[in-house]
């Protein structure tokens, strides 16, 4: 499994008007979630996880989108869902 201390969190790319923080590759996100490629594809479609299409086979993800999706699915025991 990948060492997540070395993920590009905090790194950013800057243009005149836009800063893109925490850009992750699809393998980074799959590793983070512990999913195989087929599982992740179904999860991505089911949840509507936003992505940036680089090519037909390559996608990038904003870390913030992943965090927001996980936050929506968060379960706190003892609290009404």
C-alpha atoms as a PDB file:
ATOM      1  CA  UNK A   1       0.000   0.000   0.000  1.00  0.00           C
ATOM      2  CA  UNK A   2       1.153   3.503  -0.753  1.00  0.00           C
ATOM      3  CA  UNK A   3       2.710   5.708   1.924  1.00  0.00           C
ATOM      4  CA  UNK A   4       0.063   8.434   2.287  1.00  0.00           C
ATOM      5  CA  UNK A   5       2.472  10.770   4.071  1.00  0.00           C
ATOM      6  CA  UNK A   6       3.970  11.369   0.632  1.00  0.00           C
ATOM      7  CA  UNK A   7       0.729  12.221  -1.170  1.00  0.00           C
ATOM      8  CA  UNK A   8       0.615  15.673  -2.732  1.00  0.00           C
ATOM      9  CA  UNK A   9      -1.691  17.175  -0.083  1.00  0.00           C
ATOM     10  CA  UNK A  10      -0.933  20.838   0.326  1.00  0.00           C
ATOM     11  CA  UNK A  11       0.816  21.129  -3.016  1.00  0.00           C
ATOM     12  CA  UNK A  12      -0.889  23.522  -5.378  1.00  0.00           C
ATOM     13  CA  UNK A  13      -0.760  24.723  -8.923  1.00  0.00           C
ATOM     14  CA  UNK A  14      -1.393  28.395  -9.522  1.00  0.00           C
ATOM     15  CA  UNK A  15      -2.626  30.452 -12.440  1.00  0.00           C
ATOM     16  CA  UNK A  16      -3.683  34.105 -12.469  1.00  0.00           C
ATOM     17  CA  UNK A  17      -7.164  33.439 -11.076  1.00  0.00           C
ATOM     18  CA  UNK A  18      -7.252  29.808  -9.947  1.00  0.00           C
ATOM     19  CA  UNK A  19      -5.441  27.793  -7.293  1.00  0.00           C
ATOM     20  CA  UNK A  20      -5.967  24.050  -7.399  1.00  0.00           C
ATOM     21  CA  UNK A  21      -5.144  22.441  -4.063  1.00  0.00           C
ATOM     22  CA  UNK A  22      -4.676  18.760  -3.399  1.00  0.00           C
ATOM     23  CA  UNK A  23      -4.873  17.317  -6.883  1.00  0.00           C
ATOM     24  CA  UNK A  24      -4.902  13.503  -6.732  1.00  0.00           C
ATOM     25  CA  UNK A  25      -4.549  10.858  -9.391  1.00  0.00           C
ATOM     26  CA  UNK A  26      -7.103   8.088  -9.648  1.00  0.00           C
ATOM     27  CA  UNK A  27      -4.635   5.494  -8.274  1.00  0.00           C
ATOM     28  CA  UNK A  28      -4.051   7.813  -5.272  1.00  0.00           C
ATOM     29  CA  UNK A  29      -7.785   7.955  -4.547  1.00  0.00           C
ATOM     30  CA  UNK A  30      -8.230   4.200  -5.067  1.00  0.00           C
ATOM     31  CA  UNK A  31      -5.342   3.491  -2.681  1.00  0.00           C
ATOM     32  CA  UNK A  32      -6.730   5.900  -0.125  1.00  0.00           C
ATOM     33  CA  UNK A  33     -10.116   4.145  -0.238  1.00  0.00           C
ATOM     34  CA  UNK A  34      -8.591   0.669  -0.473  1.00  0.00           C
ATOM     35  CA  UNK A  35     -10.472  -0.147  -3.669  1.00  0.00           C
ATOM     36  CA  UNK A  36      -9.612  -2.079  -6.797  1.00  0.00           C
ATOM     37  CA  UNK A  37     -10.112  -0.397 -10.158  1.00  0.00           C
ATOM     38  CA  UNK A  38     -13.495  -2.059 -10.826  1.00  0.00           C
ATOM     39  CA  UNK A  39     -14.790  -1.264  -7.326  1.00  0.00           C
ATOM     40  CA  UNK A  40     -13.724   2.353  -7.625  1.00  0.00           C
ATOM     41  CA  UNK A  41     -15.362   2.757 -11.037  1.00  0.00           C
ATOM     42  CA  UNK A  42     -18.702   1.591  -9.601  1.00  0.00           C
ATOM     43  CA  UNK A  43     -18.244   3.773  -6.495  1.00  0.00           C
ATOM     44  CA  UNK A  44     -17.389   6.835  -8.613  1.00  0.00           C
ATOM     45  CA  UNK A  45     -20.491   6.386 -10.765  1.00  0.00           C
ATOM     46  CA  UNK A  46     -22.766   5.614  -7.791  1.00  0.00           C
ATOM     47  CA  UNK A  47     -21.648   8.603  -5.730  1.00  0.00           C
ATOM     48  CA  UNK A  48     -21.132  11.090  -8.549  1.00  0.00           C
ATOM     49  CA  UNK A  49     -17.597  11.896  -7.368  1.00  0.00           C
ATOM     50  CA  UNK A  50     -16.477  14.860  -9.503  1.00  0.00           C
ATOM     51  CA  UNK A  51     -13.357  14.415 -11.615  1.00  0.00           C
ATOM     52  CA  UNK A  52     -11.241  16.202 -14.167  1.00  0.00           C
ATOM     53  CA  UNK A  53     -11.041  14.316 -17.455  1.00  0.00           C
ATOM     54  CA  UNK A  54      -7.478  14.425 -18.754  1.00  0.00           C
ATOM     55  CA  UNK A  55      -8.063  11.804 -21.442  1.00  0.00           C
ATOM     56  CA  UNK A  56     -10.445   8.919 -22.043  1.00  0.00           C
ATOM     57  CA  UNK A  57      -8.536   6.810 -19.504  1.00  0.00           C
ATOM     58  CA  UNK A  58      -6.973   9.413 -17.175  1.00  0.00           C
ATOM     59  CA  UNK A  59      -8.775  11.386 -14.462  1.00  0.00           C
ATOM     60  CA  UNK A  60      -7.660  13.681 -11.678  1.00  0.00           C
ATOM     61  CA  UNK A  61      -9.551  14.534  -8.505  1.00  0.00           C
ATOM     62  CA  UNK A  62      -9.558  17.517  -6.181  1.00  0.00           C
ATOM     63  CA  UNK A  63      -8.793  16.335  -2.665  1.00  0.00           C
ATOM     64  CA  UNK A  64     -11.546  18.615  -1.360  1.00  0.00           C
ATOM     65  CA  UNK A  65     -14.150  16.772  -3.473  1.00  0.00           C
ATOM     66  CA  UNK A  66     -13.033  13.460  -1.977  1.00  0.00           C
ATOM     67  CA  UNK A  67     -13.193  14.904   1.561  1.00  0.00           C
ATOM     68  CA  UNK A  68     -16.663  16.368   0.947  1.00  0.00           C
ATOM     69  CA  UNK A  69     -17.951  13.049  -0.399  1.00  0.00           C
ATOM     70  CA  UNK A  70     -16.555  11.141   2.570  1.00  0.00           C
ATOM     71  CA  UNK A  71     -18.003  13.710   4.976  1.00  0.00           C
ATOM     72  CA  UNK A  72     -21.475  13.191   3.499  1.00  0.00           C
ATOM     73  CA  UNK A  73     -21.147   9.436   4.059  1.00  0.00           C
ATOM     74  CA  UNK A  74     -19.802   9.799   7.610  1.00  0.00           C
ATOM     75  CA  UNK A  75     -21.668   7.877  10.298  1.00  0.00           C
ATOM     76  CA  UNK A  76     -21.382   8.915  13.948  1.00  0.00           C
ATOM     77  CA  UNK A  77     -22.560   6.106  16.264  1.00  0.00           C
ATOM     78  CA  UNK A  78     -25.377   7.173  18.545  1.00  0.00           C
ATOM     79  CA  UNK A  79     -26.401  10.057  16.309  1.00  0.00           C
ATOM     80  CA  UNK A  80     -29.498   9.932  14.086  1.00  0.00           C
ATOM     81  CA  UNK A  81     -28.669   9.413  10.420  1.00  0.00           C
END
